[in-house]
Amino acid sequence: MKKNIQIHKESTALLVIDIQDRLYSHVERSCEVFQSVMKIIKGCKILHLPIFITEQYPEKMGKTLLELREELPEEEYSYFSKTGFSCMKSEEFKKEVLARPETKWILIGIEAHVCVLQTAKDLVAMGKDVVVLNDAITSRSIYDYSTAIAEMRDIGVRVSTVETVLFELVADSKAPEFKAISGLIK
């Protein structure tokens, strides 16, 4: 089931899954993951990639972390509320994905073994290419996290890192975005 998933900025979108107040403080490696999340978000903004944000039952789980909402203001970016674990269970979000030209989706967020995994499975089933960034996802348990990584890889999801993906999207040191992306990584 292995595929060579090459990503290009013209065909790629970023999905930020459920990085919310009430759960984030309980996940493994929260500070490290947060730094990676911010890098990929800022990098995707530099590269002008579409960015979408989901919130799992925000009435109970809280809103997206304030620092992320400040980086991704609701008036400029699409936020989707959901109760199903897979983002594709939100009919509004599913319609958005199906209407968009992007065929490749970068996934970041929480929890790796629930919402990220189920979303990856549904996107793959829809014929989309999925790249999950292992340094920008997490779970409350390292065992759940590592099992989710293995399961995603088994279904054809590419597992990568923030730095790898950002430089792949830039593709060339002569690209106009290279200097900004390079500065972001350092």
Protein backbone atom coordinates (compact mmCIF):
# COMPACT_ATOMS: atom_id res chain seq x y z
CA MET A 1 0.00 0.00 0.00
CA LYS A 2 3.06 2.26 -0.03
CA LYS A 3 2.80 5.34 -2.20
CA ASN A 4 5.31 8.00 -3.04
CA ILE A 5 3.43 11.08 -1.88
CA GLN A 6 5.22 14.15 -3.19
CA ILE A 7 3.69 17.41 -2.10
CA HIS A 8 3.66 20.69 -3.99
CA LYS A 9 2.26 23.96 -2.76
CA GLU A 10 -0.22 24.18 -5.66
CA SER A 11 -2.02 20.98 -4.62
CA THR A 12 -1.65 20.91 -0.82
CA ALA A 13 -3.71 22.14 2.15
CA LEU A 14 -3.09 22.06 5.90
CA LEU A 15 -5.64 20.71 8.38
CA VAL A 16 -5.24 21.69 12.06
CA ILE A 17 -7.24 19.15 14.06
CA ASP A 18 -8.72 19.91 17.47
CA ILE A 19 -5.88 21.71 19.25
CA GLN A 20 -8.19 22.89 22.01
CA ASP A 21 -7.98 24.30 25.52
CA ARG A 22 -9.37 21.48 27.65
CA LEU A 23 -7.41 18.60 26.16
CA TYR A 24 -4.10 20.11 25.12
CA SER A 25 -2.63 20.37 28.60
CA HIS A 26 -3.04 16.58 29.01
CA VAL A 27 -1.15 15.42 25.91
CA GLU A 28 2.41 14.10 25.72
CA ARG A 29 5.17 16.52 24.59
CA SER A 30 2.74 19.48 24.51
CA CYS A 31 5.42 22.22 24.45
CA GLU A 32 7.51 20.54 21.75
CA VAL A 33 4.45 19.75 19.64
CA PHE A 34 3.17 23.31 20.01
CA GLN A 35 6.45 24.69 18.62
CA SER A 36 6.18 22.35 15.62
CA VAL A 37 2.53 23.28 15.09
CA MET A 38 3.40 26.97 15.04
CA LYS A 39 6.27 26.38 12.58
CA ILE A 40 4.10 24.51 10.09
CA ILE A 41 1.28 27.05 10.38
CA LYS A 42 3.64 30.00 9.86
CA GLY A 43 5.36 28.16 7.01
CA CYS A 44 2.07 27.40 5.29
CA LYS A 45 1.08 31.05 5.64
CA ILE A 46 4.37 32.11 4.01
CA LEU A 47 3.69 29.64 1.19
CA HIS A 48 0.02 30.76 0.89
CA LEU A 49 -1.38 27.27 1.45
CA PRO A 50 -5.03 26.96 2.46
CA ILE A 51 -5.37 26.25 6.18
CA PHE A 52 -8.44 24.76 7.85
CA ILE A 53 -9.08 24.33 11.56
CA THR A 54 -11.46 21.92 13.30
CA GLU A 55 -12.76 21.95 16.84
CA GLN A 56 -14.15 18.83 18.53
CA TYR A 57 -17.36 19.72 20.37
CA PRO A 58 -16.05 23.17 21.43
CA GLU A 59 -18.92 23.69 23.89
CA LYS A 60 -17.37 20.94 26.05
CA MET A 61 -13.73 20.81 24.90
CA GLY A 62 -13.09 24.54 24.62
CA LYS A 63 -11.95 26.61 21.68
CA THR A 64 -8.74 26.29 19.70
CA LEU A 65 -5.76 27.46 21.80
CA LEU A 66 -5.64 31.25 22.00
CA GLU A 67 -2.14 31.46 20.49
CA LEU A 68 -3.35 29.53 17.43
CA ARG A 69 -6.50 31.64 17.11
CA GLU A 70 -4.30 34.74 17.17
CA GLU A 71 -2.10 33.26 14.42
CA LEU A 72 -5.17 32.06 12.47
CA PRO A 73 -7.91 34.66 13.04
CA GLU A 74 -11.43 33.34 12.48
CA GLU A 75 -12.24 36.17 10.08
CA GLU A 76 -9.45 34.98 7.74
CA TYR A 77 -9.47 31.18 8.17
CA SER A 78 -12.15 28.51 8.09
CA TYR A 79 -13.03 26.94 11.44
CA PHE A 80 -15.30 23.90 11.55
CA SER A 81 -17.07 22.62 14.66
CA LYS A 82 -17.68 18.88 14.81
CA THR A 83 -18.89 16.13 17.10
CA GLY A 84 -17.72 13.14 15.04
CA PHE A 85 -14.12 12.15 15.58
CA SER A 86 -13.16 12.20 11.91
CA CYS A 87 -13.24 15.68 10.41
CA MET A 88 -15.06 14.09 7.47
CA LYS A 89 -18.06 13.44 9.76
CA SER A 90 -18.69 17.19 9.60
CA GLU A 91 -20.84 17.53 6.47
CA GLU A 92 -19.81 21.18 6.16
CA PHE A 93 -16.11 20.31 6.20
CA LYS A 94 -16.56 17.28 3.93
CA LYS A 95 -18.31 19.47 1.33
CA GLU A 96 -15.44 21.95 1.57
CA VAL A 97 -12.83 19.20 0.99
CA LEU A 98 -14.72 17.76 -1.97
CA ALA A 99 -15.14 21.19 -3.57
CA ARG A 100 -11.46 22.13 -3.25
CA PRO A 101 -8.78 21.45 -5.86
CA GLU A 102 -6.18 20.25 -3.32
CA THR A 103 -5.51 16.52 -3.50
CA LYS A 104 -2.89 16.40 -0.75
CA TRP A 105 -3.61 17.11 2.89
CA ILE A 106 -1.10 17.73 5.69
CA LEU A 107 -2.56 16.75 9.06
CA ILE A 108 -1.50 18.10 12.44
CA GLY A 109 -3.25 18.10 15.81
CA ILE A 110 -4.72 15.89 18.49
CA GLU A 111 -5.38 13.22 19.37
CA ALA A 112 -3.23 11.12 17.04
CA HIS A 113 -5.07 7.86 17.70
CA VAL A 114 -8.59 9.28 17.51
CA CYS A 115 -9.41 12.35 15.42
CA VAL A 116 -6.17 12.49 13.40
CA LEU A 117 -6.22 8.77 12.61
CA GLN A 118 -9.92 8.64 11.72
CA THR A 119 -9.60 11.74 9.54
CA ALA A 120 -6.58 10.25 7.75
CA LYS A 121 -8.48 7.02 7.10
CA ASP A 122 -11.46 8.89 5.65
CA LEU A 123 -9.31 11.16 3.46
CA VAL A 124 -7.43 8.14 2.09
CA ALA A 125 -10.77 6.41 1.41
CA MET A 126 -11.82 9.53 -0.53
CA GLY A 127 -8.74 9.21 -2.74
CA LYS A 128 -6.76 12.03 -1.12
CA ASP A 129 -3.05 11.80 -0.36
CA VAL A 130 -2.31 12.37 3.32
CA VAL A 131 0.88 13.45 5.05
CA VAL A 132 0.91 13.42 8.84
CA LEU A 133 3.63 15.31 10.68
CA ASN A 134 4.80 13.17 13.58
CA ASP A 135 6.32 16.14 15.38
CA ALA A 136 3.04 18.11 15.15
CA ILE A 137 0.62 15.45 16.42
CA THR A 138 0.31 13.88 19.83
CA SER A 139 -1.92 11.93 22.22
CA ARG A 140 -2.29 11.61 25.98
CA SER A 141 -0.39 8.31 25.77
CA ILE A 142 2.82 7.62 23.89
CA TYR A 143 1.48 4.12 23.20
CA ASP A 144 -1.64 5.48 21.50
CA TYR A 145 0.53 7.96 19.55
CA SER A 146 2.98 5.33 18.30
CA THR A 147 0.21 2.88 17.41
CA ALA A 148 -1.57 5.62 15.45
CA ILE A 149 1.62 6.38 13.49
CA ALA A 150 2.00 2.69 12.59
CA GLU A 151 -1.64 2.33 11.63
CA MET A 152 -1.55 5.44 9.43
CA ARG A 153 1.61 4.25 7.68
CA ASP A 154 -0.08 0.86 7.08
CA ILE A 155 -2.94 2.51 5.16
CA GLY A 156 -0.65 4.55 2.92
CA VAL A 157 -0.32 7.80 4.87
CA ARG A 158 3.09 9.42 4.56
CA VAL A 159 4.66 10.13 7.96
CA SER A 160 7.06 13.07 7.92
CA THR A 161 8.21 16.11 9.91
CA VAL A 162 7.57 19.83 9.81
CA GLU A 163 11.04 20.71 8.52
CA THR A 164 11.02 18.02 5.82
CA VAL A 165 7.64 19.10 4.50
CA LEU A 166 8.39 22.83 4.55
CA PHE A 167 11.56 22.38 2.52
CA GLU A 168 9.78 20.01 0.14
CA LEU A 169 7.08 22.64 -0.42
CA VAL A 170 9.74 25.32 -1.08
CA ALA A 171 11.61 22.88 -3.37
CA ASP A 172 14.46 25.22 -4.32
CA SER A 173 16.82 27.55 -2.46
CA LYS A 174 16.14 30.13 -5.16
CA ALA A 175 12.40 30.13 -4.40
CA PRO A 176 11.18 33.51 -3.13
CA GLU A 177 9.94 31.93 0.12
CA PHE A 178 13.18 30.09 0.90
CA LYS A 179 14.74 32.76 3.11
CA ALA A 180 11.58 33.16 5.23
CA ILE A 181 11.13 29.40 5.60
CA SER A 182 14.81 28.91 6.42
CA GLY A 183 14.58 31.63 9.09
CA LEU A 184 11.49 29.98 10.54
CA ILE A 185 13.30 26.64 10.89
CA LYS A 186 16.35 28.16 12.59
